[in-house]
Amino acid sequence: MAERRSLTEGLKATPPPIDTAKEKAFVFGEKEQPRQAAPAVSAATLNRTPISTRIRDDFARALKRASLERQLEGREPNTLQDILEEAIEPWLKANGYLS
């Protein structure tokens, strides 16, 4: 059996030349997909306020399923927050609460 050594001794013995391209390919995978652009709302004007509410169980399950499926497919919007904001905005505009 090989003699045991400390972690720092083992790291010192690691060969220094490391191919960073291979390292990144291993860590991030071969199929790194580009991120889609965020909505056209300026970050400076966007303030989010936490709210708490209850919705029907079937709505909650369907919303969560939609969010997860859209995340796996890489489609936007895919977070619960973004989906809800996109769904609520037309109602607020149609009823005169947003311009």
N, C-alpha and C. Protein backbone atom coordinates (compact mmCIF):
# COMPACT_ATOMS: atom_id res chain seq x y z
N MET A 1 0.83 -1.17 0.00
CA MET A 1 0.00 0.00 0.00
C MET A 1 0.89 1.25 0.00
N ALA A 2 0.45 2.26 -0.73
CA ALA A 2 1.24 3.50 -0.85
C ALA A 2 1.22 4.27 0.47
N GLU A 3 2.29 4.98 0.70
CA GLU A 3 2.39 5.78 1.92
C GLU A 3 1.42 6.97 1.84
N ARG A 4 0.74 7.23 2.93
CA ARG A 4 -0.21 8.36 2.96
C ARG A 4 0.54 9.67 3.08
N ARG A 5 -0.02 10.71 2.48
CA ARG A 5 0.58 12.02 2.56
C ARG A 5 -0.52 13.06 2.75
N SER A 6 -0.15 14.22 3.16
CA SER A 6 -1.15 15.26 3.41
C SER A 6 -1.68 15.82 2.08
N LEU A 7 -2.80 16.49 2.15
CA LEU A 7 -3.41 17.07 0.96
C LEU A 7 -2.49 18.11 0.33
N THR A 8 -1.87 18.95 1.14
CA THR A 8 -0.98 19.98 0.59
C THR A 8 0.21 19.36 -0.12
N GLU A 9 0.74 18.26 0.38
CA GLU A 9 1.84 17.58 -0.29
C GLU A 9 1.37 17.00 -1.63
N GLY A 10 0.16 16.47 -1.64
CA GLY A 10 -0.39 15.93 -2.89
C GLY A 10 -0.62 17.01 -3.93
N LEU A 11 -1.08 18.17 -3.49
CA LEU A 11 -1.31 19.27 -4.43
C LEU A 11 0.00 19.83 -4.98
N LYS A 12 1.03 19.81 -4.17
CA LYS A 12 2.33 20.30 -4.63
C LYS A 12 2.89 19.39 -5.73
N ALA A 13 2.54 18.11 -5.68
CA ALA A 13 3.05 17.16 -6.65
C ALA A 13 2.27 17.17 -7.95
N THR A 14 1.18 17.93 -8.04
CA THR A 14 0.37 18.00 -9.26
C THR A 14 1.16 18.70 -10.36
N PRO A 15 1.18 18.13 -11.55
CA PRO A 15 1.92 18.78 -12.65
C PRO A 15 1.29 20.13 -13.00
N PRO A 16 2.07 21.18 -13.14
CA PRO A 16 1.54 22.52 -13.36
C PRO A 16 0.85 22.76 -14.70
N PRO A 17 1.28 22.19 -15.84
CA PRO A 17 0.60 22.54 -17.10
C PRO A 17 -0.80 21.91 -17.17
N ILE A 18 -1.82 22.77 -17.09
CA ILE A 18 -3.22 22.33 -17.17
C ILE A 18 -3.85 23.01 -18.37
N ASP A 19 -4.49 22.22 -19.22
CA ASP A 19 -5.17 22.76 -20.40
C ASP A 19 -6.49 23.37 -19.94
N THR A 20 -6.57 24.70 -19.91
CA THR A 20 -7.77 25.37 -19.40
C THR A 20 -8.99 25.12 -20.28
N ALA A 21 -8.80 24.91 -21.57
CA ALA A 21 -9.94 24.63 -22.46
C ALA A 21 -10.58 23.29 -22.09
N LYS A 22 -9.74 22.29 -21.83
CA LYS A 22 -10.27 20.98 -21.42
C LYS A 22 -10.92 21.07 -20.05
N GLU A 23 -10.33 21.86 -19.17
CA GLU A 23 -10.88 22.04 -17.84
C GLU A 23 -12.27 22.66 -17.91
N LYS A 24 -12.42 23.72 -18.71
CA LYS A 24 -13.73 24.38 -18.86
C LYS A 24 -14.74 23.45 -19.53
N ALA A 25 -14.30 22.67 -20.53
CA ALA A 25 -15.20 21.73 -21.19
C ALA A 25 -15.70 20.68 -20.20
N PHE A 26 -14.82 20.24 -19.31
CA PHE A 26 -15.23 19.25 -18.32
C PHE A 26 -16.19 19.85 -17.30
N VAL A 27 -15.89 21.04 -16.82
CA VAL A 27 -16.69 21.66 -15.77
C VAL A 27 -18.05 22.11 -16.31
N PHE A 28 -18.05 22.78 -17.47
CA PHE A 28 -19.27 23.38 -17.99
C PHE A 28 -19.97 22.53 -19.04
N GLY A 29 -19.37 21.46 -19.46
CA GLY A 29 -19.99 20.58 -20.44
C GLY A 29 -19.75 21.06 -21.86
N GLU A 30 -19.94 20.18 -22.80
CA GLU A 30 -19.70 20.48 -24.20
C GLU A 30 -20.78 21.39 -24.79
N LYS A 31 -22.01 21.26 -24.33
CA LYS A 31 -23.14 21.95 -24.94
C LYS A 31 -23.55 23.18 -24.14
N GLU A 32 -22.70 24.11 -23.99
CA GLU A 32 -23.04 25.33 -23.25
C GLU A 32 -23.90 26.20 -24.16
N GLN A 33 -25.17 26.42 -23.76
CA GLN A 33 -26.09 27.20 -24.57
C GLN A 33 -26.05 28.66 -24.14
N PRO A 34 -26.12 29.57 -25.12
CA PRO A 34 -26.13 30.99 -24.76
C PRO A 34 -27.42 31.36 -24.05
N ARG A 35 -27.33 32.28 -23.11
CA ARG A 35 -28.51 32.73 -22.38
C ARG A 35 -29.31 33.68 -23.25
N GLN A 36 -30.63 33.61 -23.09
CA GLN A 36 -31.49 34.52 -23.84
C GLN A 36 -31.50 35.88 -23.16
N ALA A 37 -31.78 36.89 -23.93
CA ALA A 37 -31.80 38.25 -23.41
C ALA A 37 -32.94 38.42 -22.41
N ALA A 38 -32.71 39.27 -21.43
CA ALA A 38 -33.72 39.57 -20.42
C ALA A 38 -34.79 40.44 -21.05
N PRO A 39 -35.96 40.56 -20.40
CA PRO A 39 -37.00 41.44 -20.93
C PRO A 39 -36.49 42.87 -21.08
N ALA A 40 -37.18 43.66 -21.89
CA ALA A 40 -36.72 45.00 -22.25
C ALA A 40 -36.88 46.02 -21.14
N VAL A 41 -37.26 45.61 -19.94
CA VAL A 41 -37.43 46.54 -18.83
C VAL A 41 -36.06 46.91 -18.29
N SER A 42 -35.85 48.18 -18.07
CA SER A 42 -34.57 48.66 -17.55
C SER A 42 -34.39 48.21 -16.11
N ALA A 43 -33.17 47.79 -15.77
CA ALA A 43 -32.90 47.33 -14.41
C ALA A 43 -33.00 48.47 -13.42
N ALA A 44 -32.74 49.69 -13.87
CA ALA A 44 -32.79 50.84 -12.98
C ALA A 44 -34.22 51.16 -12.55
N THR A 45 -35.21 50.86 -13.41
CA THR A 45 -36.60 51.19 -13.09
C THR A 45 -37.35 50.00 -12.50
N LEU A 46 -36.73 48.85 -12.42
CA LEU A 46 -37.40 47.65 -11.96
C LEU A 46 -37.12 47.40 -10.49
N ASN A 47 -38.13 47.62 -9.67
CA ASN A 47 -38.03 47.31 -8.25
C ASN A 47 -39.05 46.23 -7.95
N ARG A 48 -38.64 45.20 -7.25
CA ARG A 48 -39.56 44.11 -6.92
C ARG A 48 -39.90 44.16 -5.45
N THR A 49 -41.18 43.96 -5.15
CA THR A 49 -41.67 43.96 -3.79
C THR A 49 -42.26 42.59 -3.49
N PRO A 50 -41.89 41.98 -2.39
CA PRO A 50 -42.46 40.67 -2.07
C PRO A 50 -43.93 40.79 -1.69
N ILE A 51 -44.72 39.86 -2.20
CA ILE A 51 -46.13 39.77 -1.81
C ILE A 51 -46.40 38.32 -1.44
N SER A 52 -47.46 38.12 -0.70
CA SER A 52 -47.84 36.78 -0.32
C SER A 52 -49.32 36.60 -0.62
N THR A 53 -49.64 35.50 -1.27
CA THR A 53 -51.03 35.22 -1.59
C THR A 53 -51.22 33.72 -1.73
N ARG A 54 -52.45 33.30 -1.78
CA ARG A 54 -52.76 31.89 -1.98
C ARG A 54 -53.51 31.74 -3.30
N ILE A 55 -53.18 30.66 -4.02
CA ILE A 55 -53.89 30.37 -5.25
C ILE A 55 -54.38 28.94 -5.20
N ARG A 56 -55.28 28.62 -6.12
CA ARG A 56 -55.83 27.26 -6.17
C ARG A 56 -54.71 26.24 -6.36
N ASP A 57 -54.89 25.08 -5.77
CA ASP A 57 -53.88 24.02 -5.83
C ASP A 57 -53.59 23.61 -7.26
N ASP A 58 -54.62 23.47 -8.10
CA ASP A 58 -54.38 23.06 -9.48
C ASP A 58 -53.61 24.13 -10.26
N PHE A 59 -53.85 25.41 -9.96
CA PHE A 59 -53.08 26.48 -10.59
C PHE A 59 -51.62 26.40 -10.16
N ALA A 60 -51.38 26.18 -8.88
CA ALA A 60 -50.01 26.12 -8.37
C ALA A 60 -49.24 24.96 -9.00
N ARG A 61 -49.88 23.80 -9.09
CA ARG A 61 -49.21 22.65 -9.69
C ARG A 61 -48.93 22.87 -11.17
N ALA A 62 -49.90 23.44 -11.89
CA ALA A 62 -49.71 23.70 -13.32
C ALA A 62 -48.61 24.75 -13.55
N LEU A 63 -48.59 25.77 -12.69
CA LEU A 63 -47.58 26.82 -12.80
C LEU A 63 -46.19 26.25 -12.55
N LYS A 64 -46.05 25.43 -11.53
CA LYS A 64 -44.76 24.82 -11.21
C LYS A 64 -44.30 23.90 -12.34
N ARG A 65 -45.23 23.11 -12.90
CA ARG A 65 -44.90 22.22 -14.01
C ARG A 65 -44.45 23.02 -15.22
N ALA A 66 -45.17 24.10 -15.52
CA ALA A 66 -44.80 24.95 -16.66
C ALA A 66 -43.41 25.53 -16.45
N SER A 67 -43.14 25.98 -15.25
CA SER A 67 -41.84 26.57 -14.94
C SER A 67 -40.72 25.56 -15.14
N LEU A 68 -40.88 24.37 -14.60
CA LEU A 68 -39.84 23.34 -14.71
C LEU A 68 -39.63 22.90 -16.15
N GLU A 69 -40.73 22.69 -16.90
CA GLU A 69 -40.60 22.26 -18.29
C GLU A 69 -39.91 23.34 -19.12
N ARG A 70 -40.27 24.59 -18.89
CA ARG A 70 -39.67 25.69 -19.65
C ARG A 70 -38.19 25.84 -19.30
N GLN A 71 -37.82 25.60 -18.04
CA GLN A 71 -36.41 25.66 -17.66
C GLN A 71 -35.63 24.57 -18.38
N LEU A 72 -36.19 23.36 -18.44
CA LEU A 72 -35.50 22.27 -19.12
C LEU A 72 -35.35 22.54 -20.61
N GLU A 73 -36.35 23.20 -21.22
CA GLU A 73 -36.31 23.51 -22.64
C GLU A 73 -35.51 24.77 -22.94
N GLY A 74 -35.15 25.53 -21.91
CA GLY A 74 -34.41 26.76 -22.10
C GLY A 74 -35.25 27.90 -22.64
N ARG A 75 -36.55 27.87 -22.38
CA ARG A 75 -37.46 28.91 -22.88
C ARG A 75 -37.73 29.94 -21.80
N GLU A 76 -37.93 31.19 -22.23
CA GLU A 76 -38.25 32.28 -21.32
C GLU A 76 -39.72 32.67 -21.52
N PRO A 77 -40.40 33.11 -20.55
CA PRO A 77 -40.07 33.13 -19.14
C PRO A 77 -40.14 31.73 -18.56
N ASN A 78 -39.28 31.45 -17.57
CA ASN A 78 -39.30 30.11 -17.00
C ASN A 78 -39.31 30.10 -15.48
N THR A 79 -39.27 31.27 -14.85
CA THR A 79 -39.38 31.29 -13.39
C THR A 79 -40.81 31.59 -13.01
N LEU A 80 -41.21 31.15 -11.83
CA LEU A 80 -42.57 31.42 -11.37
C LEU A 80 -42.84 32.92 -11.38
N GLN A 81 -41.89 33.68 -10.92
CA GLN A 81 -42.04 35.13 -10.84
C GLN A 81 -42.26 35.74 -12.22
N ASP A 82 -41.44 35.37 -13.19
CA ASP A 82 -41.55 35.95 -14.53
C ASP A 82 -42.84 35.52 -15.22
N ILE A 83 -43.26 34.27 -15.04
CA ILE A 83 -44.51 33.79 -15.63
C ILE A 83 -45.69 34.55 -15.05
N LEU A 84 -45.70 34.71 -13.73
CA LEU A 84 -46.80 35.45 -13.09
C LEU A 84 -46.83 36.91 -13.52
N GLU A 85 -45.66 37.55 -13.60
CA GLU A 85 -45.63 38.95 -14.04
C GLU A 85 -46.16 39.10 -15.45
N GLU A 86 -45.77 38.17 -16.34
CA GLU A 86 -46.24 38.24 -17.73
C GLU A 86 -47.74 37.99 -17.82
N ALA A 87 -48.29 37.16 -16.95
CA ALA A 87 -49.72 36.88 -16.97
C ALA A 87 -50.55 38.01 -16.36
N ILE A 88 -50.02 38.68 -15.34
CA ILE A 88 -50.77 39.72 -14.64
C ILE A 88 -50.74 41.06 -15.38
N GLU A 89 -49.65 41.33 -16.09
CA GLU A 89 -49.50 42.63 -16.75
C GLU A 89 -50.65 42.98 -17.70
N PRO A 90 -51.10 42.08 -18.60
CA PRO A 90 -52.21 42.45 -19.49
C PRO A 90 -53.50 42.79 -18.74
N TRP A 91 -53.77 42.08 -17.65
CA TRP A 91 -54.97 42.37 -16.87
C TRP A 91 -54.89 43.76 -16.26
N LEU A 92 -53.74 44.08 -15.68
CA LEU A 92 -53.56 45.40 -15.07
C LEU A 92 -53.70 46.51 -16.11
N LYS A 93 -53.15 46.31 -17.31
CA LYS A 93 -53.27 47.31 -18.37
C LYS A 93 -54.70 47.43 -18.86
N ALA A 94 -55.37 46.30 -19.06
CA ALA A 94 -56.74 46.31 -19.58
C ALA A 94 -57.71 46.98 -18.61
N ASN A 95 -57.43 46.92 -17.33
CA ASN A 95 -58.31 47.52 -16.33
C ASN A 95 -57.83 48.89 -15.86
N GLY A 96 -56.85 49.46 -16.54
CA GLY A 96 -56.43 50.83 -16.28
C GLY A 96 -55.52 51.02 -15.09
N TYR A 97 -54.91 49.96 -14.58
CA TYR A 97 -54.01 50.08 -13.42
C TYR A 97 -52.56 50.33 -13.83
N LEU A 98 -52.24 50.03 -15.10
CA LEU A 98 -50.91 50.32 -15.65
C LEU A 98 -51.11 51.07 -16.95
N SER A 99 -50.16 51.93 -17.26
CA SER A 99 -50.26 52.67 -18.54
C SER A 99 -49.47 51.98 -19.61
